[in-house]
Amino acid sequence: MMFKRWLLWIAGAGVLGLIFMAYAQPSLVQHLADQLWACF
């Protein structure tokens, strides 16, 4: 049970770290937004 909780915390921190790194590069965010908008 304790192992699962630690695993969830580590996974959550990893996801937040990736989001932070993505927003640190505005060109990447712009590219992703353009790809999303192209679907419509």
N, C-alpha and C. Protein backbone atom coordinates (compact mmCIF):
# COMPACT_ATOMS: atom_id res chain seq x y z
N MET A 1 0.83 -1.20 0.00
CA MET A 1 0.00 0.00 0.00
C MET A 1 0.88 1.26 0.00
N MET A 2 1.91 1.23 0.83
CA MET A 2 2.80 2.39 0.91
C MET A 2 3.55 2.59 -0.41
N PHE A 3 3.93 1.45 -1.05
CA PHE A 3 4.64 1.52 -2.32
C PHE A 3 3.79 2.18 -3.39
N LYS A 4 2.49 1.84 -3.42
CA LYS A 4 1.57 2.44 -4.40
C LYS A 4 1.47 3.95 -4.20
N ARG A 5 1.40 4.37 -2.96
CA ARG A 5 1.28 5.79 -2.67
C ARG A 5 2.52 6.55 -3.14
N TRP A 6 3.71 5.97 -2.87
CA TRP A 6 4.95 6.61 -3.32
C TRP A 6 5.02 6.65 -4.84
N LEU A 7 4.57 5.58 -5.48
CA LEU A 7 4.58 5.51 -6.93
C LEU A 7 3.66 6.58 -7.52
N LEU A 8 2.51 6.79 -6.92
CA LEU A 8 1.59 7.83 -7.40
C LEU A 8 2.18 9.22 -7.21
N TRP A 9 2.84 9.45 -6.09
CA TRP A 9 3.48 10.75 -5.85
C TRP A 9 4.58 11.01 -6.88
N ILE A 10 5.38 10.00 -7.15
CA ILE A 10 6.47 10.16 -8.12
C ILE A 10 5.92 10.39 -9.52
N ALA A 11 4.89 9.65 -9.89
CA ALA A 11 4.27 9.83 -11.21
C ALA A 11 3.66 11.22 -11.34
N GLY A 12 2.99 11.68 -10.30
CA GLY A 12 2.40 13.02 -10.32
C GLY A 12 3.45 14.11 -10.43
N ALA A 13 4.54 13.95 -9.70
CA ALA A 13 5.62 14.94 -9.77
C ALA A 13 6.25 14.92 -11.16
N GLY A 14 6.37 13.76 -11.76
CA GLY A 14 6.92 13.66 -13.11
C GLY A 14 6.05 14.35 -14.14
N VAL A 15 4.75 14.14 -14.03
CA VAL A 15 3.83 14.80 -14.96
C VAL A 15 3.89 16.31 -14.80
N LEU A 16 3.89 16.79 -13.57
CA LEU A 16 3.98 18.23 -13.34
C LEU A 16 5.31 18.79 -13.86
N GLY A 17 6.38 18.04 -13.70
CA GLY A 17 7.67 18.47 -14.22
C GLY A 17 7.66 18.57 -15.73
N LEU A 18 7.04 17.61 -16.40
CA LEU A 18 6.95 17.66 -17.86
C LEU A 18 6.12 18.84 -18.33
N ILE A 19 5.03 19.12 -17.62
CA ILE A 19 4.19 20.27 -17.98
C ILE A 19 4.97 21.57 -17.80
N PHE A 20 5.72 21.66 -16.71
CA PHE A 20 6.52 22.86 -16.48
C PHE A 20 7.57 23.04 -17.57
N MET A 21 8.23 21.94 -17.96
CA MET A 21 9.24 22.02 -19.01
C MET A 21 8.61 22.41 -20.35
N ALA A 22 7.39 21.93 -20.61
CA ALA A 22 6.72 22.28 -21.86
C ALA A 22 6.39 23.76 -21.90
N TYR A 23 5.94 24.31 -20.79
CA TYR A 23 5.59 25.74 -20.76
C TYR A 23 6.82 26.63 -20.72
N ALA A 24 7.99 26.06 -20.40
CA ALA A 24 9.22 26.85 -20.42
C ALA A 24 9.67 27.10 -21.87
N GLN A 25 9.12 26.33 -22.81
CA GLN A 25 9.44 26.49 -24.24
C GLN A 25 8.17 26.91 -24.96
N PRO A 26 7.92 28.21 -25.12
CA PRO A 26 6.68 28.67 -25.74
C PRO A 26 6.47 28.15 -27.16
N SER A 27 7.54 27.90 -27.90
CA SER A 27 7.38 27.40 -29.27
C SER A 27 6.74 26.01 -29.27
N LEU A 28 7.05 25.20 -28.27
CA LEU A 28 6.46 23.87 -28.17
C LEU A 28 4.96 23.98 -27.90
N VAL A 29 4.58 24.88 -27.01
CA VAL A 29 3.17 25.07 -26.69
C VAL A 29 2.43 25.58 -27.94
N GLN A 30 3.04 26.50 -28.67
CA GLN A 30 2.43 27.03 -29.90
C GLN A 30 2.25 25.91 -30.93
N HIS A 31 3.25 25.07 -31.07
CA HIS A 31 3.18 23.96 -32.02
C HIS A 31 2.06 22.99 -31.64
N LEU A 32 1.95 22.65 -30.37
CA LEU A 32 0.89 21.75 -29.92
C LEU A 32 -0.49 22.37 -30.13
N ALA A 33 -0.60 23.68 -29.87
CA ALA A 33 -1.88 24.35 -30.07
C ALA A 33 -2.25 24.36 -31.56
N ASP A 34 -1.28 24.57 -32.43
CA ASP A 34 -1.54 24.54 -33.87
C ASP A 34 -2.00 23.16 -34.32
N GLN A 35 -1.39 22.12 -33.77
CA GLN A 35 -1.80 20.76 -34.13
C GLN A 35 -3.20 20.48 -33.65
N LEU A 36 -3.52 20.92 -32.45
CA LEU A 36 -4.87 20.72 -31.93
C LEU A 36 -5.90 21.47 -32.76
N TRP A 37 -5.57 22.71 -33.14
CA TRP A 37 -6.49 23.53 -33.91
C TRP A 37 -6.69 22.95 -35.31
N ALA A 38 -5.68 22.28 -35.85
CA ALA A 38 -5.78 21.69 -37.18
C ALA A 38 -6.84 20.56 -37.21
N CYS A 39 -7.15 19.99 -36.08
CA CYS A 39 -8.17 18.94 -36.04
C CYS A 39 -9.56 19.49 -36.33
N PHE A 40 -9.75 20.77 -36.12
CA PHE A 40 -11.07 21.38 -36.35
C PHE A 40 -11.03 22.10 -37.66
